[in-house]
PDB file of N, CA and C in Angstrom:
ATOM      1  N   MET A   1       0.976  -1.366  -0.022  1.00  0.00           N
ATOM      2  CA  MET A   1      -0.230   0.100  -0.142  1.00  0.00           C
ATOM      3  C   MET A   1       1.185   1.069  -0.139  1.00  0.00           C
ATOM      4  N   ALA A   2       0.935   1.934  -0.826  1.00  0.00           N
ATOM      5  CA  ALA A   2       1.764   3.325  -0.935  1.00  0.00           C
ATOM      6  C   ALA A   2       0.788   4.352  -0.680  1.00  0.00           C
ATOM      7  N   ILE A   3       1.136   5.408  -0.091  1.00  0.00           N
ATOM      8  CA  ILE A   3       0.535   6.610   0.726  1.00  0.00           C
ATOM      9  C   ILE A   3       1.702   7.722   0.091  1.00  0.00           C
ATOM     10  N   GLU A   4       1.243   8.875  -0.306  1.00  0.00           N
ATOM     11  CA  GLU A   4       2.243   9.605   0.015  1.00  0.00           C
ATOM     12  C   GLU A   4       1.907  10.804   1.032  1.00  0.00           C
ATOM     13  N   VAL A   5       3.297  10.720   1.281  1.00  0.00           N
ATOM     14  CA  VAL A   5       2.981  11.985   2.643  1.00  0.00           C
ATOM     15  C   VAL A   5       3.888  13.374   2.775  1.00  0.00           C
ATOM     16  N   ARG A   6       3.390  14.013   2.558  1.00  0.00           N
ATOM     17  CA  ARG A   6       3.955  15.596   2.171  1.00  0.00           C
ATOM     18  C   ARG A   6       4.426  16.003   3.669  1.00  0.00           C
ATOM     19  N   ILE A   7       5.702  16.339   3.318  1.00  0.00           N
ATOM     20  CA  ILE A   7       6.479  16.833   4.672  1.00  0.00           C
ATOM     21  C   ILE A   7       7.153  18.020   4.825  1.00  0.00           C
ATOM     22  N   PRO A   8       6.205  18.838   6.036  1.00  0.00           N
ATOM     23  CA  PRO A   8       6.714  20.186   5.892  1.00  0.00           C
ATOM     24  C   PRO A   8       8.236  20.685   6.359  1.00  0.00           C
ATOM     25  N   THR A   9       8.492  21.962   5.949  1.00  0.00           N
ATOM     26  CA  THR A   9       9.845  22.071   5.722  1.00  0.00           C
ATOM     27  C   THR A   9      10.948  21.984   7.402  1.00  0.00           C
ATOM     28  N   ILE A  10      10.222  22.042   8.495  1.00  0.00           N
ATOM     29  CA  ILE A  10      10.373  22.023  10.092  1.00  0.00           C
ATOM     30  C   ILE A  10      10.771  20.305  10.118  1.00  0.00           C
ATOM     31  N   LEU A  11      10.314  19.527   9.560  1.00  0.00           N
ATOM     32  CA  LEU A  11      10.432  17.869   9.506  1.00  0.00           C
ATOM     33  C   LEU A  11      11.363  17.360   8.270  1.00  0.00           C
ATOM     34  N   ARG A  12      11.876  17.998   7.722  1.00  0.00           N
ATOM     35  CA  ARG A  12      12.776  17.443   6.373  1.00  0.00           C
ATOM     36  C   ARG A  12      13.754  17.231   6.929  1.00  0.00           C
ATOM     37  N   THR A  13      14.147  17.495   8.369  1.00  0.00           N
ATOM     38  CA  THR A  13      15.827  17.036   8.601  1.00  0.00           C
ATOM     39  C   THR A  13      15.424  15.639   8.361  1.00  0.00           C
ATOM     40  N   TYR A  14      14.720  15.103   8.675  1.00  0.00           N
ATOM     41  CA  TYR A  14      14.011  13.867   9.131  1.00  0.00           C
ATOM     42  C   TYR A  14      14.429  12.682   8.211  1.00  0.00           C
ATOM     43  N   THR A  15      14.194  13.769   7.277  1.00  0.00           N
ATOM     44  CA  THR A  15      13.833  12.960   5.319  1.00  0.00           C
ATOM     45  C   THR A  15      15.035  12.885   4.976  1.00  0.00           C
ATOM     46  N   ASP A  16      15.801  13.698   5.184  1.00  0.00           N
ATOM     47  CA  ASP A  16      17.043  13.918   4.080  1.00  0.00           C
ATOM     48  C   ASP A  16      16.507  15.179   2.889  1.00  0.00           C
ATOM     49  N   GLY A  17      15.605  16.059   3.510  1.00  0.00           N
ATOM     50  CA  GLY A  17      15.525  17.229   2.518  1.00  0.00           C
ATOM     51  C   GLY A  17      14.025  16.870   2.048  1.00  0.00           C
ATOM     52  N   GLU A  18      13.538  15.767   1.364  1.00  0.00           N
ATOM     53  CA  GLU A  18      12.640  15.318   1.087  1.00  0.00           C
ATOM     54  C   GLU A  18      11.475  15.897   1.305  1.00  0.00           C
ATOM     55  N   LYS A  19      10.714  16.559   0.061  1.00  0.00           N
ATOM     56  CA  LYS A  19       9.341  16.882   0.570  1.00  0.00           C
ATOM     57  C   LYS A  19       8.047  16.461   0.237  1.00  0.00           C
ATOM     58  N   ALA A  20       8.307  15.437   0.034  1.00  0.00           N
ATOM     59  CA  ALA A  20       7.560  13.949   0.207  1.00  0.00           C
ATOM     60  C   ALA A  20       7.983  12.525   0.224  1.00  0.00           C
ATOM     61  N   VAL A  21       7.469  11.684   1.112  1.00  0.00           N
ATOM     62  CA  VAL A  21       8.288  10.627   0.830  1.00  0.00           C
ATOM     63  C   VAL A  21       6.679   9.673   0.935  1.00  0.00           C
ATOM     64  N   GLU A  22       6.926   8.218   0.759  1.00  0.00           N
ATOM     65  CA  GLU A  22       6.141   7.127   0.506  1.00  0.00           C
ATOM     66  C   GLU A  22       6.008   6.472   2.149  1.00  0.00           C
ATOM     67  N   GLY A  23       4.760   5.910   2.277  1.00  0.00           N
ATOM     68  CA  GLY A  23       4.963   5.161   3.722  1.00  0.00           C
ATOM     69  C   GLY A  23       3.710   4.431   3.247  1.00  0.00           C
ATOM     70  N   SER A  24       3.237   3.308   3.932  1.00  0.00           N
ATOM     71  CA  SER A  24       2.328   2.525   4.061  1.00  0.00           C
ATOM     72  C   SER A  24       1.512   2.305   5.822  1.00  0.00           C
ATOM     73  N   GLY A  25       0.616   1.822   5.789  1.00  0.00           N
ATOM     74  CA  GLY A  25       0.057   1.381   6.850  1.00  0.00           C
ATOM     75  C   GLY A  25      -1.852   1.370   6.559  1.00  0.00           C
ATOM     76  N   ASP A  26      -2.426   0.429   7.540  1.00  0.00           N
ATOM     77  CA  ASP A  26      -3.851   1.283   7.458  1.00  0.00           C
ATOM     78  C   ASP A  26      -4.537   2.090   8.273  1.00  0.00           C
ATOM     79  N   THR A  27      -3.779   2.454   8.607  1.00  0.00           N
ATOM     80  CA  THR A  27      -4.391   3.522  10.116  1.00  0.00           C
ATOM     81  C   THR A  27      -3.092   4.469   9.795  1.00  0.00           C
ATOM     82  N   LEU A  28      -3.734   5.866  10.140  1.00  0.00           N
ATOM     83  CA  LEU A  28      -2.413   6.814  10.401  1.00  0.00           C
ATOM     84  C   LEU A  28      -1.576   6.474  11.528  1.00  0.00           C
ATOM     85  N   GLY A  29      -1.864   5.991  11.876  1.00  0.00           N
ATOM     86  CA  GLY A  29      -1.195   5.622  13.250  1.00  0.00           C
ATOM     87  C   GLY A  29       0.399   5.052  12.970  1.00  0.00           C
ATOM     88  N   LYS A  30      -0.060   4.108  12.075  1.00  0.00           N
ATOM     89  CA  LYS A  30       0.720   2.917  11.537  1.00  0.00           C
ATOM     90  C   LYS A  30       1.756   3.369  10.120  1.00  0.00           C
ATOM     91  N   LEU A  31       1.277   4.022   9.884  1.00  0.00           N
ATOM     92  CA  LEU A  31       2.327   5.015   8.872  1.00  0.00           C
ATOM     93  C   LEU A  31       2.809   5.582   9.390  1.00  0.00           C
ATOM     94  N   PHE A  32       2.600   6.566  10.749  1.00  0.00           N
ATOM     95  CA  PHE A  32       3.572   7.170  11.071  1.00  0.00           C
ATOM     96  C   PHE A  32       4.858   6.277  11.767  1.00  0.00           C
ATOM     97  N   ALA A  33       4.011   5.274  12.376  1.00  0.00           N
ATOM     98  CA  ALA A  33       5.265   4.019  12.572  1.00  0.00           C
ATOM     99  C   ALA A  33       6.236   3.605  11.848  1.00  0.00           C
ATOM    100  N   ASP A  34       5.546   3.273  10.201  1.00  0.00           N
ATOM    101  CA  ASP A  34       6.582   3.329   9.060  1.00  0.00           C
ATOM    102  C   ASP A  34       7.637   4.032   8.966  1.00  0.00           C
ATOM    103  N   LEU A  35       6.759   5.192   8.893  1.00  0.00           N
ATOM    104  CA  LEU A  35       7.624   6.119   8.183  1.00  0.00           C
ATOM    105  C   LEU A  35       8.871   6.678   9.543  1.00  0.00           C
ATOM    106  N   ASP A  36       8.594   6.231  10.641  1.00  0.00           N
ATOM    107  CA  ASP A  36      10.057   6.509  12.192  1.00  0.00           C
ATOM    108  C   ASP A  36      10.751   5.117  11.389  1.00  0.00           C
ATOM    109  N   SER A  37      10.399   4.218  10.876  1.00  0.00           N
ATOM    110  CA  SER A  37      11.417   2.921  10.983  1.00  0.00           C
ATOM    111  C   SER A  37      12.439   3.338   9.792  1.00  0.00           C
ATOM    112  N   ARG A  38      11.935   4.006   8.787  1.00  0.00           N
ATOM    113  CA  ARG A  38      12.745   4.843   7.711  1.00  0.00           C
ATOM    114  C   ARG A  38      13.362   6.253   8.115  1.00  0.00           C
ATOM    115  N   HIS A  39      12.781   6.859   9.053  1.00  0.00           N
ATOM    116  CA  HIS A  39      13.109   8.331   9.340  1.00  0.00           C
ATOM    117  C   HIS A  39      12.670   8.462  10.742  1.00  0.00           C
ATOM    118  N   PRO A  40      14.041   7.457  11.501  1.00  0.00           N
ATOM    119  CA  PRO A  40      13.760   7.618  12.834  1.00  0.00           C
ATOM    120  C   PRO A  40      13.391   9.188  13.958  1.00  0.00           C
ATOM    121  N   GLY A  41      12.840   9.252  14.338  1.00  0.00           N
ATOM    122  CA  GLY A  41      12.494  10.508  14.982  1.00  0.00           C
ATOM    123  C   GLY A  41      11.479  11.166  14.850  1.00  0.00           C
ATOM    124  N   ILE A  42      10.684  11.115  13.601  1.00  0.00           N
ATOM    125  CA  ILE A  42       9.522  12.307  12.805  1.00  0.00           C
ATOM    126  C   ILE A  42       7.837  11.720  13.693  1.00  0.00           C
ATOM    127  N   GLU A  43       8.477  10.547  14.061  1.00  0.00           N
ATOM    128  CA  GLU A  43       7.101  10.080  14.787  1.00  0.00           C
ATOM    129  C   GLU A  43       6.853  11.116  15.778  1.00  0.00           C
ATOM    130  N   ALA A  44       7.666  10.459  16.838  1.00  0.00           N
ATOM    131  CA  ALA A  44       7.521  11.772  18.229  1.00  0.00           C
ATOM    132  C   ALA A  44       7.305  13.349  17.650  1.00  0.00           C
ATOM    133  N   ARG A  45       7.637  13.710  16.364  1.00  0.00           N
ATOM    134  CA  ARG A  45       7.359  14.677  16.453  1.00  0.00           C
ATOM    135  C   ARG A  45       5.767  15.224  16.296  1.00  0.00           C
ATOM    136  N   ILE A  46       4.949  14.062  15.461  1.00  0.00           N
ATOM    137  CA  ILE A  46       3.816  14.070  15.570  1.00  0.00           C
ATOM    138  C   ILE A  46       2.965  13.766  15.984  1.00  0.00           C
ATOM    139  N   VAL A  47       3.081  12.838  16.846  1.00  0.00           N
ATOM    140  CA  VAL A  47       2.641  11.800  17.798  1.00  0.00           C
ATOM    141  C   VAL A  47       2.979  12.375  19.524  1.00  0.00           C
ATOM    142  N   ASP A  48       2.090  12.142  20.065  1.00  0.00           N
ATOM    143  CA  ASP A  48       2.157  12.176  21.356  1.00  0.00           C
ATOM    144  C   ASP A  48       0.906  11.391  22.504  1.00  0.00           C
ATOM    145  N   GLY A  49       1.904  10.528  22.820  1.00  0.00           N
ATOM    146  CA  GLY A  49       0.617   9.476  24.168  1.00  0.00           C
ATOM    147  C   GLY A  49      -0.099   9.031  23.085  1.00  0.00           C
ATOM    148  N   GLY A  50       0.200   8.594  22.183  1.00  0.00           N
ATOM    149  CA  GLY A  50      -0.827   7.779  20.931  1.00  0.00           C
ATOM    150  C   GLY A  50      -1.981   8.600  20.505  1.00  0.00           C
ATOM    151  N   LYS A  51      -1.342  10.085  20.682  1.00  0.00           N
ATOM    152  CA  LYS A  51      -2.412  11.234  20.139  1.00  0.00           C
ATOM    153  C   LYS A  51      -1.646  12.187  18.869  1.00  0.00           C
ATOM    154  N   LEU A  52      -2.829  12.572  18.243  1.00  0.00           N
ATOM    155  CA  LEU A  52      -2.023  13.934  17.551  1.00  0.00           C
ATOM    156  C   LEU A  52      -1.400  15.054  18.000  1.00  0.00           C
ATOM    157  N   ARG A  53       0.246  15.222  18.179  1.00  0.00           N
ATOM    158  CA  ARG A  53       0.284  16.442  18.679  1.00  0.00           C
ATOM    159  C   ARG A  53      -0.222  17.738  19.012  1.00  0.00           C
ATOM    160  N   ARG A  54      -0.956  18.609  19.466  1.00  0.00           N
ATOM    161  CA  ARG A  54      -1.848  19.593  19.956  1.00  0.00           C
ATOM    162  C   ARG A  54      -1.817  20.568  18.341  1.00  0.00           C
ATOM    163  N   PHE A  55      -0.308  20.612  18.108  1.00  0.00           N
ATOM    164  CA  PHE A  55       0.109  21.832  16.957  1.00  0.00           C
ATOM    165  C   PHE A  55       0.459  21.453  15.973  1.00  0.00           C
ATOM    166  N   VAL A  56       0.179  19.944  15.642  1.00  0.00           N
ATOM    167  CA  VAL A  56       0.162  19.671  14.398  1.00  0.00           C
ATOM    168  C   VAL A  56      -0.709  19.194  13.571  1.00  0.00           C
ATOM    169  N   ASN A  57      -1.418  20.148  12.458  1.00  0.00           N
ATOM    170  CA  ASN A  57      -2.366  19.935  11.658  1.00  0.00           C
ATOM    171  C   ASN A  57      -1.696  18.373  10.651  1.00  0.00           C
ATOM    172  N   VAL A  58      -2.818  17.124  10.379  1.00  0.00           N
ATOM    173  CA  VAL A  58      -2.623  16.758   9.518  1.00  0.00           C
ATOM    174  C   VAL A  58      -3.781  16.307   8.700  1.00  0.00           C
ATOM    175  N   TYR A  59      -3.544  16.414   7.556  1.00  0.00           N
ATOM    176  CA  TYR A  59      -4.807  16.212   6.340  1.00  0.00           C
ATOM    177  C   TYR A  59      -4.687  14.772   5.604  1.00  0.00           C
ATOM    178  N   LEU A  60      -5.410  14.467   5.174  1.00  0.00           N
ATOM    179  CA  LEU A  60      -6.092  13.048   4.605  1.00  0.00           C
ATOM    180  C   LEU A  60      -6.519  13.775   3.309  1.00  0.00           C
ATOM    181  N   ASN A  61      -6.134  13.873   2.235  1.00  0.00           N
ATOM    182  CA  ASN A  61      -6.313  13.942   0.994  1.00  0.00           C
ATOM    183  C   ASN A  61      -7.793  15.177   0.850  1.00  0.00           C
ATOM    184  N   ASP A  62      -6.586  16.213   2.226  1.00  0.00           N
ATOM    185  CA  ASP A  62      -7.450  17.417   2.173  1.00  0.00           C
ATOM    186  C   ASP A  62      -8.461  17.540   3.400  1.00  0.00           C
ATOM    187  N   GLU A  63      -8.756  16.610   3.829  1.00  0.00           N
ATOM    188  CA  GLU A  63      -9.450  16.914   5.035  1.00  0.00           C
ATOM    189  C   GLU A  63      -8.837  16.532   6.281  1.00  0.00           C
ATOM    190  N   ASP A  64      -9.244  17.699   7.159  1.00  0.00           N
ATOM    191  CA  ASP A  64      -8.365  17.568   8.699  1.00  0.00           C
ATOM    192  C   ASP A  64      -8.770  16.635   9.309  1.00  0.00           C
ATOM    193  N   VAL A  65      -7.665  15.246  10.003  1.00  0.00           N
ATOM    194  CA  VAL A  65      -7.809  13.927  10.531  1.00  0.00           C
ATOM    195  C   VAL A  65      -8.925  14.428  11.749  1.00  0.00           C
ATOM    196  N   ARG A  66      -8.347  15.271  12.437  1.00  0.00           N
ATOM    197  CA  ARG A  66      -9.667  15.815  13.434  1.00  0.00           C
ATOM    198  C   ARG A  66     -10.926  15.724  13.300  1.00  0.00           C
ATOM    199  N   PHE A  67     -11.554  15.747  12.488  1.00  0.00           N
ATOM    200  CA  PHE A  67     -12.648  15.634  11.992  1.00  0.00           C
ATOM    201  C   PHE A  67     -13.065  14.545  11.462  1.00  0.00           C
ATOM    202  N   LEU A  68     -12.098  13.323  11.529  1.00  0.00           N
ATOM    203  CA  LEU A  68     -12.191  11.956  11.005  1.00  0.00           C
ATOM    204  C   LEU A  68     -11.900  11.144  12.508  1.00  0.00           C
ATOM    205  N   ASP A  69     -11.053  10.245  12.066  1.00  0.00           N
ATOM    206  CA  ASP A  69     -10.776   9.318  13.522  1.00  0.00           C
ATOM    207  C   ASP A  69      -9.575   9.929  14.002  1.00  0.00           C
ATOM    208  N   GLY A  70      -8.886  10.384  13.634  1.00  0.00           N
ATOM    209  CA  GLY A  70      -7.575  11.042  14.452  1.00  0.00           C
ATOM    210  C   GLY A  70      -6.630  10.474  14.386  1.00  0.00           C
ATOM    211  N   ILE A  71      -5.819   9.816  14.629  1.00  0.00           N
ATOM    212  CA  ILE A  71      -4.865   8.756  14.488  1.00  0.00           C
ATOM    213  C   ILE A  71      -5.183   7.368  14.348  1.00  0.00           C
ATOM    214  N   ASP A  72      -6.455   7.217  14.314  1.00  0.00           N
ATOM    215  CA  ASP A  72      -7.088   5.780  14.238  1.00  0.00           C
ATOM    216  C   ASP A  72      -7.590   5.910  12.526  1.00  0.00           C
ATOM    217  N   THR A  73      -7.637   7.129  11.816  1.00  0.00           N
ATOM    218  CA  THR A  73      -8.187   7.314  10.448  1.00  0.00           C
ATOM    219  C   THR A  73      -7.666   6.227   9.442  1.00  0.00           C
ATOM    220  N   GLN A  74      -8.528   5.759   8.992  1.00  0.00           N
ATOM    221  CA  GLN A  74      -8.457   4.353   8.415  1.00  0.00           C
ATOM    222  C   GLN A  74      -7.629   5.232   6.590  1.00  0.00           C
ATOM    223  N   LEU A  75      -6.512   4.228   6.305  1.00  0.00           N
ATOM    224  CA  LEU A  75      -6.217   4.820   4.813  1.00  0.00           C
ATOM    225  C   LEU A  75      -6.144   3.522   4.176  1.00  0.00           C
ATOM    226  N   THR A  76      -5.873   3.945   2.553  1.00  0.00           N
ATOM    227  CA  THR A  76      -6.512   3.138   1.478  1.00  0.00           C
ATOM    228  C   THR A  76      -5.282   3.520   0.340  1.00  0.00           C
ATOM    229  N   ASP A  77      -5.066   2.480  -0.471  1.00  0.00           N
ATOM    230  CA  ASP A  77      -3.944   3.195  -1.196  1.00  0.00           C
ATOM    231  C   ASP A  77      -3.918   3.783  -2.224  1.00  0.00           C
ATOM    232  N   GLY A  78      -2.994   4.454  -2.407  1.00  0.00           N
ATOM    233  CA  GLY A  78      -3.114   5.898  -3.164  1.00  0.00           C
ATOM    234  C   GLY A  78      -3.766   7.525  -2.828  1.00  0.00           C
ATOM    235  N   ASP A  79      -4.217   7.028  -0.841  1.00  0.00           N
ATOM    236  CA  ASP A  79      -3.877   8.257  -0.274  1.00  0.00           C
ATOM    237  C   ASP A  79      -3.238   9.492  -0.457  1.00  0.00           C
ATOM    238  N   SER A  80      -2.873  10.477  -0.152  1.00  0.00           N
ATOM    239  CA  SER A  80      -2.257  11.324   0.581  1.00  0.00           C
ATOM    240  C   SER A  80      -2.538  11.825   1.980  1.00  0.00           C
ATOM    241  N   VAL A  81      -1.295  12.294   2.535  1.00  0.00           N
ATOM    242  CA  VAL A  81      -1.265  12.712   3.701  1.00  0.00           C
ATOM    243  C   VAL A  81      -0.676  13.629   3.283  1.00  0.00           C
ATOM    244  N   THR A  82      -1.037  15.353   4.383  1.00  0.00           N
ATOM    245  CA  THR A  82      -0.512  16.397   4.499  1.00  0.00           C
ATOM    246  C   THR A  82       0.255  16.312   6.036  1.00  0.00           C
ATOM    247  N   ILE A  83       1.339  16.843   6.392  1.00  0.00           N
ATOM    248  CA  ILE A  83       1.595  17.327   7.648  1.00  0.00           C
ATOM    249  C   ILE A  83       2.144  18.801   7.598  1.00  0.00           C
ATOM    250  N   LEU A  84       1.029  19.353   8.603  1.00  0.00           N
ATOM    251  CA  LEU A  84       1.262  20.739   8.390  1.00  0.00           C
ATOM    252  C   LEU A  84       1.666  21.174  10.190  1.00  0.00           C
ATOM    253  N   PRO A  85       2.684  21.749  10.713  1.00  0.00           N
ATOM    254  CA  PRO A  85       2.560  22.839  11.724  1.00  0.00           C
ATOM    255  C   PRO A  85       1.871  24.075  12.050  1.00  0.00           C
ATOM    256  N   ALA A  86       1.194  23.883  13.153  1.00  0.00           N
ATOM    257  CA  ALA A  86       0.499  25.120  13.271  1.00  0.00           C
ATOM    258  C   ALA A  86       1.276  26.406  13.380  1.00  0.00           C
ATOM    259  N   VAL A  87       1.091  27.204  13.019  1.00  0.00           N
ATOM    260  CA  VAL A  87       1.442  27.999  13.097  1.00  0.00           C
ATOM    261  C   VAL A  87       0.643  29.347  13.998  1.00  0.00           C
ATOM    262  N   ALA A  88       1.653  30.024  14.874  1.00  0.00           N
ATOM    263  CA  ALA A  88       1.020  31.390  15.199  1.00  0.00           C
ATOM    264  C   ALA A  88       1.294  32.746  15.662  1.00  0.00           C
ATOM    265  N   GLY A  89       1.007  33.596  15.702  1.00  0.00           N
ATOM    266  CA  GLY A  89       2.171  35.051  15.685  1.00  0.00           C
ATOM    267  C   GLY A  89       1.199  35.617  16.070  1.00  0.00           C
ATOM    268  N   GLY A  90       1.432  37.108  15.885  1.00  0.00           N
ATOM    269  CA  GLY A  90       0.990  37.923  16.341  1.00  0.00           C
ATOM    270  C   GLY A  90       2.222  39.108  17.211  1.00  0.00           C
ATOM    271  N   MET A  91       1.315  40.233  17.771  1.00  0.00           N
ATOM    272  CA  MET A  91       2.431  41.063  18.753  1.00  0.00           C
ATOM    273  C   MET A  91       2.022  40.377  20.130  1.00  0.00           C
ATOM    274  N   VAL A  92       3.079  40.881  21.385  1.00  0.00           N
ATOM    275  CA  VAL A  92       2.739  40.640  22.250  1.00  0.00           C
ATOM    276  C   VAL A  92       2.788  42.005  22.997  1.00  0.00           C
TER     277      VAL A  92
END
């Protein structure tokens, strides 16, 4: 099962600069574990305590997985997953 995962700039140090990588797994959690087996450390930047980190947004085919089943969201061959860190800013 091939799933394209788009990697944000901040996490590309784990993927040797690659903007997108392929992974496999029938759920988002298994996909992240698969990615971590080839790109050690990336899973810990996305997942904490079995849940998505609060300031990381993940999209499955352009749909926010928080409105699906989160880390347990089911995946199928050919899906596209996008990881985006939440951006905050403003004046203090």
